Amino acid sequence: MKMIRDEWKSIRHSKILWISVAVMVLIPFLYSVFFLTSVWDPYGDTKNLPVAVVNNDKPVNYQGKRFAVGE
């Protein structure tokens, strides 16, 4: 237990270690923020997305009846 306490004391008194710990905590936080904001609402801004539908279906005669499904 004394060894752990001494480690924390050395971390508290060293600026380099504080900066290292801060960076190790900050990088995953920033990654998660950027990642989550990019996939949070993928369909939220699709109302202005141009869409075109091309229908190349041709009517078919099947058992004496005409099927025009694409109309």
PDB file of N, CA and C in Angstrom:
ATOM      1  N   MET A   1       0.826  -1.195   0.000  1.00  0.00           N
ATOM      2  CA  MET A   1       0.000   0.000   0.000  1.00  0.00           C
ATOM      3  C   MET A   1       0.873   1.262   0.000  1.00  0.00           C
ATOM      4  N   LYS A   2       1.984   1.203   0.701  1.00  0.00           N
ATOM      5  CA  LYS A   2       2.881   2.359   0.754  1.00  0.00           C
ATOM      6  C   LYS A   2       3.463   2.662  -0.623  1.00  0.00           C
ATOM      7  N   MET A   3       3.707   1.602  -1.392  1.00  0.00           N
ATOM      8  CA  MET A   3       4.263   1.804  -2.723  1.00  0.00           C
ATOM      9  C   MET A   3       3.264   2.572  -3.615  1.00  0.00           C
ATOM     10  N   ILE A   4       2.006   2.234  -3.524  1.00  0.00           N
ATOM     11  CA  ILE A   4       0.985   2.926  -4.320  1.00  0.00           C
ATOM     12  C   ILE A   4       0.868   4.375  -3.879  1.00  0.00           C
ATOM     13  N   ARG A   5       0.886   4.605  -2.584  1.00  0.00           N
ATOM     14  CA  ARG A   5       0.811   5.974  -2.065  1.00  0.00           C
ATOM     15  C   ARG A   5       2.004   6.798  -2.540  1.00  0.00           C
ATOM     16  N   ASP A   6       3.180   6.205  -2.533  1.00  0.00           N
ATOM     17  CA  ASP A   6       4.372   6.912  -3.012  1.00  0.00           C
ATOM     18  C   ASP A   6       4.296   7.221  -4.508  1.00  0.00           C
ATOM     19  N   GLU A   7       3.706   6.303  -5.263  1.00  0.00           N
ATOM     20  CA  GLU A   7       3.518   6.554  -6.704  1.00  0.00           C
ATOM     21  C   GLU A   7       2.613   7.756  -6.922  1.00  0.00           C
ATOM     22  N   TRP A   8       1.517   7.824  -6.204  1.00  0.00           N
ATOM     23  CA  TRP A   8       0.601   8.958  -6.355  1.00  0.00           C
ATOM     24  C   TRP A   8       1.257  10.259  -5.933  1.00  0.00           C
ATOM     25  N   LYS A   9       2.077  10.208  -4.910  1.00  0.00           N
ATOM     26  CA  LYS A   9       2.803  11.419  -4.502  1.00  0.00           C
ATOM     27  C   LYS A   9       3.757  11.884  -5.597  1.00  0.00           C
ATOM     28  N   SER A  10       4.442  10.931  -6.218  1.00  0.00           N
ATOM     29  CA  SER A  10       5.361  11.329  -7.289  1.00  0.00           C
ATOM     30  C   SER A  10       4.608  11.859  -8.499  1.00  0.00           C
ATOM     31  N   ILE A  11       3.426  11.310  -8.755  1.00  0.00           N
ATOM     32  CA  ILE A  11       2.612  11.816  -9.874  1.00  0.00           C
ATOM     33  C   ILE A  11       2.139  13.235  -9.572  1.00  0.00           C
ATOM     34  N   ARG A  12       1.748  13.483  -8.329  1.00  0.00           N
ATOM     35  CA  ARG A  12       1.265  14.814  -7.956  1.00  0.00           C
ATOM     36  C   ARG A  12       2.336  15.883  -8.083  1.00  0.00           C
ATOM     37  N   HIS A  13       3.567  15.531  -7.879  1.00  0.00           N
ATOM     38  CA  HIS A  13       4.644  16.522  -7.874  1.00  0.00           C
ATOM     39  C   HIS A  13       5.344  16.659  -9.225  1.00  0.00           C
ATOM     40  N   SER A  14       4.955  15.895 -10.214  1.00  0.00           N
ATOM     41  CA  SER A  14       5.629  15.946 -11.505  1.00  0.00           C
ATOM     42  C   SER A  14       4.695  16.524 -12.566  1.00  0.00           C
ATOM     43  N   LYS A  15       5.110  17.634 -13.170  1.00  0.00           N
ATOM     44  CA  LYS A  15       4.283  18.259 -14.214  1.00  0.00           C
ATOM     45  C   LYS A  15       4.188  17.391 -15.457  1.00  0.00           C
ATOM     46  N   ILE A  16       5.267  16.739 -15.816  1.00  0.00           N
ATOM     47  CA  ILE A  16       5.271  15.884 -17.010  1.00  0.00           C
ATOM     48  C   ILE A  16       4.252  14.755 -16.849  1.00  0.00           C
ATOM     49  N   LEU A  17       4.213  14.157 -15.676  1.00  0.00           N
ATOM     50  CA  LEU A  17       3.254  13.077 -15.447  1.00  0.00           C
ATOM     51  C   LEU A  17       1.819  13.598 -15.470  1.00  0.00           C
ATOM     52  N   TRP A  18       1.583  14.782 -14.908  1.00  0.00           N
ATOM     53  CA  TRP A  18       0.236  15.369 -14.955  1.00  0.00           C
ATOM     54  C   TRP A  18      -0.203  15.614 -16.400  1.00  0.00           C
ATOM     55  N   ILE A  19       0.713  16.138 -17.203  1.00  0.00           N
ATOM     56  CA  ILE A  19       0.386  16.393 -18.604  1.00  0.00           C
ATOM     57  C   ILE A  19       0.129  15.075 -19.332  1.00  0.00           C
ATOM     58  N   SER A  20       0.932  14.060 -19.048  1.00  0.00           N
ATOM     59  CA  SER A  20       0.739  12.757 -19.687  1.00  0.00           C
ATOM     60  C   SER A  20      -0.610  12.152 -19.321  1.00  0.00           C
ATOM     61  N   VAL A  21      -0.961  12.224 -18.062  1.00  0.00           N
ATOM     62  CA  VAL A  21      -2.255  11.690 -17.611  1.00  0.00           C
ATOM     63  C   VAL A  21      -3.395  12.483 -18.250  1.00  0.00           C
ATOM     64  N   ALA A  22      -3.263  13.794 -18.300  1.00  0.00           N
ATOM     65  CA  ALA A  22      -4.308  14.623 -18.899  1.00  0.00           C
ATOM     66  C   ALA A  22      -4.493  14.297 -20.374  1.00  0.00           C
ATOM     67  N   VAL A  23      -3.407  14.107 -21.088  1.00  0.00           N
ATOM     68  CA  VAL A  23      -3.500  13.770 -22.512  1.00  0.00           C
ATOM     69  C   VAL A  23      -4.112  12.392 -22.700  1.00  0.00           C
ATOM     70  N   MET A  24      -3.722  11.439 -21.841  1.00  0.00           N
ATOM     71  CA  MET A  24      -4.284  10.092 -21.956  1.00  0.00           C
ATOM     72  C   MET A  24      -5.781  10.073 -21.672  1.00  0.00           C
ATOM     73  N   VAL A  25      -6.261  10.991 -20.864  1.00  0.00           N
ATOM     74  CA  VAL A  25      -7.698  11.084 -20.593  1.00  0.00           C
ATOM     75  C   VAL A  25      -8.394  11.890 -21.685  1.00  0.00           C
ATOM     76  N   LEU A  26      -7.741  12.919 -22.198  1.00  0.00           N
ATOM     77  CA  LEU A  26      -8.361  13.825 -23.160  1.00  0.00           C
ATOM     78  C   LEU A  26      -8.530  13.204 -24.546  1.00  0.00           C
ATOM     79  N   ILE A  27      -7.575  12.436 -25.009  1.00  0.00           N
ATOM     80  CA  ILE A  27      -7.646  11.878 -26.361  1.00  0.00           C
ATOM     81  C   ILE A  27      -8.836  10.937 -26.538  1.00  0.00           C
ATOM     82  N   PRO A  28      -9.061   9.959 -25.665  1.00  0.00           N
ATOM     83  CA  PRO A  28     -10.258   9.130 -25.843  1.00  0.00           C
ATOM     84  C   PRO A  28     -11.562   9.923 -25.723  1.00  0.00           C
ATOM     85  N   PHE A  29     -11.556  10.939 -24.860  1.00  0.00           N
ATOM     86  CA  PHE A  29     -12.753  11.777 -24.726  1.00  0.00           C
ATOM     87  C   PHE A  29     -13.046  12.513 -26.030  1.00  0.00           C
ATOM     88  N   LEU A  30     -12.024  13.128 -26.619  1.00  0.00           N
ATOM     89  CA  LEU A  30     -12.224  13.841 -27.886  1.00  0.00           C
ATOM     90  C   LEU A  30     -12.639  12.890 -29.001  1.00  0.00           C
ATOM     91  N   TYR A  31     -12.024  11.712 -29.043  1.00  0.00           N
ATOM     92  CA  TYR A  31     -12.394  10.730 -30.057  1.00  0.00           C
ATOM     93  C   TYR A  31     -13.859  10.346 -29.920  1.00  0.00           C
ATOM     94  N   SER A  32     -14.300  10.086 -28.707  1.00  0.00           N
ATOM     95  CA  SER A  32     -15.695   9.684 -28.523  1.00  0.00           C
ATOM     96  C   SER A  32     -16.649  10.816 -28.874  1.00  0.00           C
ATOM     97  N   VAL A  33     -16.294  12.049 -28.552  1.00  0.00           N
ATOM     98  CA  VAL A  33     -17.165  13.182 -28.892  1.00  0.00           C
ATOM     99  C   VAL A  33     -17.287  13.326 -30.400  1.00  0.00           C
ATOM    100  N   PHE A  34     -16.160  13.281 -31.118  1.00  0.00           N
ATOM    101  CA  PHE A  34     -16.226  13.440 -32.573  1.00  0.00           C
ATOM    102  C   PHE A  34     -16.935  12.253 -33.224  1.00  0.00           C
ATOM    103  N   PHE A  35     -16.684  11.065 -32.753  1.00  0.00           N
ATOM    104  CA  PHE A  35     -17.318   9.878 -33.331  1.00  0.00           C
ATOM    105  C   PHE A  35     -18.814   9.892 -33.074  1.00  0.00           C
ATOM    106  N   LEU A  36     -19.221  10.155 -31.862  1.00  0.00           N
ATOM    107  CA  LEU A  36     -20.649  10.134 -31.548  1.00  0.00           C
ATOM    108  C   LEU A  36     -21.417  11.238 -32.266  1.00  0.00           C
ATOM    109  N   THR A  37     -20.816  12.404 -32.418  1.00  0.00           N
ATOM    110  CA  THR A  37     -21.529  13.461 -33.143  1.00  0.00           C
ATOM    111  C   THR A  37     -21.650  13.126 -34.630  1.00  0.00           C
ATOM    112  N   SER A  38     -20.735  12.340 -35.161  1.00  0.00           N
ATOM    113  CA  SER A  38     -20.822  12.012 -36.586  1.00  0.00           C
ATOM    114  C   SER A  38     -21.874  10.942 -36.870  1.00  0.00           C
ATOM    115  N   VAL A  39     -22.198  10.103 -35.905  1.00  0.00           N
ATOM    116  CA  VAL A  39     -23.170   9.029 -36.146  1.00  0.00           C
ATOM    117  C   VAL A  39     -24.422   9.169 -35.295  1.00  0.00           C
ATOM    118  N   TRP A  40     -24.597  10.290 -34.622  1.00  0.00           N
ATOM    119  CA  TRP A  40     -25.721  10.435 -33.702  1.00  0.00           C
ATOM    120  C   TRP A  40     -27.053  10.394 -34.431  1.00  0.00           C
ATOM    121  N   ASP A  41     -27.214  11.154 -35.493  1.00  0.00           N
ATOM    122  CA  ASP A  41     -28.486  11.208 -36.223  1.00  0.00           C
ATOM    123  C   ASP A  41     -28.193  11.154 -37.723  1.00  0.00           C
ATOM    124  N   PRO A  42     -27.953   9.967 -38.273  1.00  0.00           N
ATOM    125  CA  PRO A  42     -27.552   9.895 -39.680  1.00  0.00           C
ATOM    126  C   PRO A  42     -28.645  10.311 -40.654  1.00  0.00           C
ATOM    127  N   TYR A  43     -29.909  10.256 -40.263  1.00  0.00           N
ATOM    128  CA  TYR A  43     -31.005  10.615 -41.164  1.00  0.00           C
ATOM    129  C   TYR A  43     -31.587  11.989 -40.854  1.00  0.00           C
ATOM    130  N   GLY A  44     -30.954  12.752 -40.000  1.00  0.00           N
ATOM    131  CA  GLY A  44     -31.489  14.040 -39.583  1.00  0.00           C
ATOM    132  C   GLY A  44     -31.464  15.101 -40.661  1.00  0.00           C
ATOM    133  N   ASP A  45     -30.543  15.023 -41.607  1.00  0.00           N
ATOM    134  CA  ASP A  45     -30.420  16.073 -42.610  1.00  0.00           C
ATOM    135  C   ASP A  45     -30.639  15.525 -44.017  1.00  0.00           C
ATOM    136  N   THR A  46     -31.535  14.570 -44.154  1.00  0.00           N
ATOM    137  CA  THR A  46     -31.778  13.987 -45.473  1.00  0.00           C
ATOM    138  C   THR A  46     -32.983  14.604 -46.177  1.00  0.00           C
ATOM    139  N   LYS A  47     -33.623  15.589 -45.564  1.00  0.00           N
ATOM    140  CA  LYS A  47     -34.808  16.173 -46.196  1.00  0.00           C
ATOM    141  C   LYS A  47     -34.475  16.948 -47.466  1.00  0.00           C
ATOM    142  N   ASN A  48     -33.251  17.437 -47.608  1.00  0.00           N
ATOM    143  CA  ASN A  48     -32.841  18.180 -48.797  1.00  0.00           C
ATOM    144  C   ASN A  48     -32.031  17.324 -49.766  1.00  0.00           C
ATOM    145  N   LEU A  49     -32.003  16.025 -49.561  1.00  0.00           N
ATOM    146  CA  LEU A  49     -31.238  15.123 -50.405  1.00  0.00           C
ATOM    147  C   LEU A  49     -32.010  14.855 -51.701  1.00  0.00           C
ATOM    148  N   PRO A  50     -31.416  15.166 -52.859  1.00  0.00           N
ATOM    149  CA  PRO A  50     -32.131  14.912 -54.113  1.00  0.00           C
ATOM    150  C   PRO A  50     -32.196  13.408 -54.402  1.00  0.00           C
ATOM    151  N   VAL A  51     -33.374  12.961 -54.798  1.00  0.00           N
ATOM    152  CA  VAL A  51     -33.602  11.543 -55.062  1.00  0.00           C
ATOM    153  C   VAL A  51     -34.305  11.405 -56.398  1.00  0.00           C
ATOM    154  N   ALA A  52     -33.912  10.422 -57.184  1.00  0.00           N
ATOM    155  CA  ALA A  52     -34.566  10.134 -58.458  1.00  0.00           C
ATOM    156  C   ALA A  52     -34.922   8.654 -58.493  1.00  0.00           C
ATOM    157  N   VAL A  53     -36.095   8.334 -59.037  1.00  0.00           N
ATOM    158  CA  VAL A  53     -36.532   6.948 -59.172  1.00  0.00           C
ATOM    159  C   VAL A  53     -36.652   6.642 -60.655  1.00  0.00           C
ATOM    160  N   VAL A  54     -35.987   5.602 -61.082  1.00  0.00           N
ATOM    161  CA  VAL A  54     -36.042   5.170 -62.475  1.00  0.00           C
ATOM    162  C   VAL A  54     -36.780   3.837 -62.507  1.00  0.00           C
ATOM    163  N   ASN A  55     -37.851   3.800 -63.297  1.00  0.00           N
ATOM    164  CA  ASN A  55     -38.657   2.594 -63.375  1.00  0.00           C
ATOM    165  C   ASN A  55     -38.572   2.051 -64.799  1.00  0.00           C
ATOM    166  N   ASN A  56     -37.862   0.937 -64.976  1.00  0.00           N
ATOM    167  CA  ASN A  56     -37.733   0.316 -66.288  1.00  0.00           C
ATOM    168  C   ASN A  56     -38.548  -0.972 -66.393  1.00  0.00           C
ATOM    169  N   ASP A  57     -39.505  -1.139 -65.515  1.00  0.00           N
ATOM    170  CA  ASP A  57     -40.329  -2.343 -65.562  1.00  0.00           C
ATOM    171  C   ASP A  57     -41.217  -2.334 -66.799  1.00  0.00           C
ATOM    172  N   LYS A  58     -41.409  -3.523 -67.346  1.00  0.00           N
ATOM    173  CA  LYS A  58     -42.291  -3.673 -68.511  1.00  0.00           C
ATOM    174  C   LYS A  58     -43.450  -4.587 -68.115  1.00  0.00           C
ATOM    175  N   PRO A  59     -44.650  -4.325 -68.634  1.00  0.00           N
ATOM    176  CA  PRO A  59     -45.791  -5.193 -68.312  1.00  0.00           C
ATOM    177  C   PRO A  59     -45.571  -6.617 -68.840  1.00  0.00           C
ATOM    178  N   VAL A  60     -46.158  -7.579 -68.152  1.00  0.00           N
ATOM    179  CA  VAL A  60     -45.987  -8.993 -68.486  1.00  0.00           C
ATOM    180  C   VAL A  60     -47.361  -9.641 -68.596  1.00  0.00           C
ATOM    181  N   ASN A  61     -47.489 -10.526 -69.562  1.00  0.00           N
ATOM    182  CA  ASN A  61     -48.708 -11.335 -69.647  1.00  0.00           C
ATOM    183  C   ASN A  61     -48.447 -12.666 -68.939  1.00  0.00           C
ATOM    184  N   TYR A  62     -49.288 -12.982 -67.955  1.00  0.00           N
ATOM    185  CA  TYR A  62     -49.115 -14.206 -67.182  1.00  0.00           C
ATOM    186  C   TYR A  62     -50.476 -14.861 -67.003  1.00  0.00           C
ATOM    187  N   GLN A  63     -50.613 -16.046 -67.516  1.00  0.00           N
ATOM    188  CA  GLN A  63     -51.852 -16.828 -67.460  1.00  0.00           C
ATOM    189  C   GLN A  63     -53.034 -16.036 -67.977  1.00  0.00           C
ATOM    190  N   GLY A  64     -52.810 -15.362 -69.082  1.00  0.00           N
ATOM    191  CA  GLY A  64     -53.887 -14.625 -69.743  1.00  0.00           C
ATOM    192  C   GLY A  64     -54.194 -13.281 -69.139  1.00  0.00           C
ATOM    193  N   LYS A  65     -53.459 -12.858 -68.130  1.00  0.00           N
ATOM    194  CA  LYS A  65     -53.702 -11.546 -67.514  1.00  0.00           C
ATOM    195  C   LYS A  65     -52.469 -10.668 -67.693  1.00  0.00           C
ATOM    196  N   ARG A  66     -52.708  -9.389 -67.836  1.00  0.00           N
ATOM    197  CA  ARG A  66     -51.620  -8.435 -68.011  1.00  0.00           C
ATOM    198  C   ARG A  66     -51.249  -7.864 -66.645  1.00  0.00           C
ATOM    199  N   PHE A  67     -49.964  -7.992 -66.272  1.00  0.00           N
ATOM    200  CA  PHE A  67     -49.469  -7.431 -65.022  1.00  0.00           C
ATOM    201  C   PHE A  67     -48.511  -6.285 -65.354  1.00  0.00           C
ATOM    202  N   ALA A  68     -48.895  -5.091 -64.912  1.00  0.00           N
ATOM    203  CA  ALA A  68     -48.046  -3.903 -65.068  1.00  0.00           C
ATOM    204  C   ALA A  68     -47.717  -3.406 -63.674  1.00  0.00           C
ATOM    205  N   VAL A  69     -46.813  -4.106 -63.027  1.00  0.00           N
ATOM    206  CA  VAL A  69     -46.494  -3.795 -61.628  1.00  0.00           C
ATOM    207  C   VAL A  69     -45.783  -2.457 -61.497  1.00  0.00           C
ATOM    208  N   GLY A  70     -44.996  -2.072 -62.479  1.00  0.00           N
ATOM    209  CA  GLY A  70     -44.211  -0.852 -62.379  1.00  0.00           C
ATOM    210  C   GLY A  70     -44.991   0.422 -62.598  1.00  0.00           C
ATOM    211  N   GLU A  71     -46.240   0.339 -62.970  1.00  0.00           N
ATOM    212  CA  GLU A  71     -47.003   1.570 -63.240  1.00  0.00           C
ATOM    213  C   GLU A  71     -47.464   2.224 -61.961  1.00  0.00           C
TER     214      GLU A  71
END
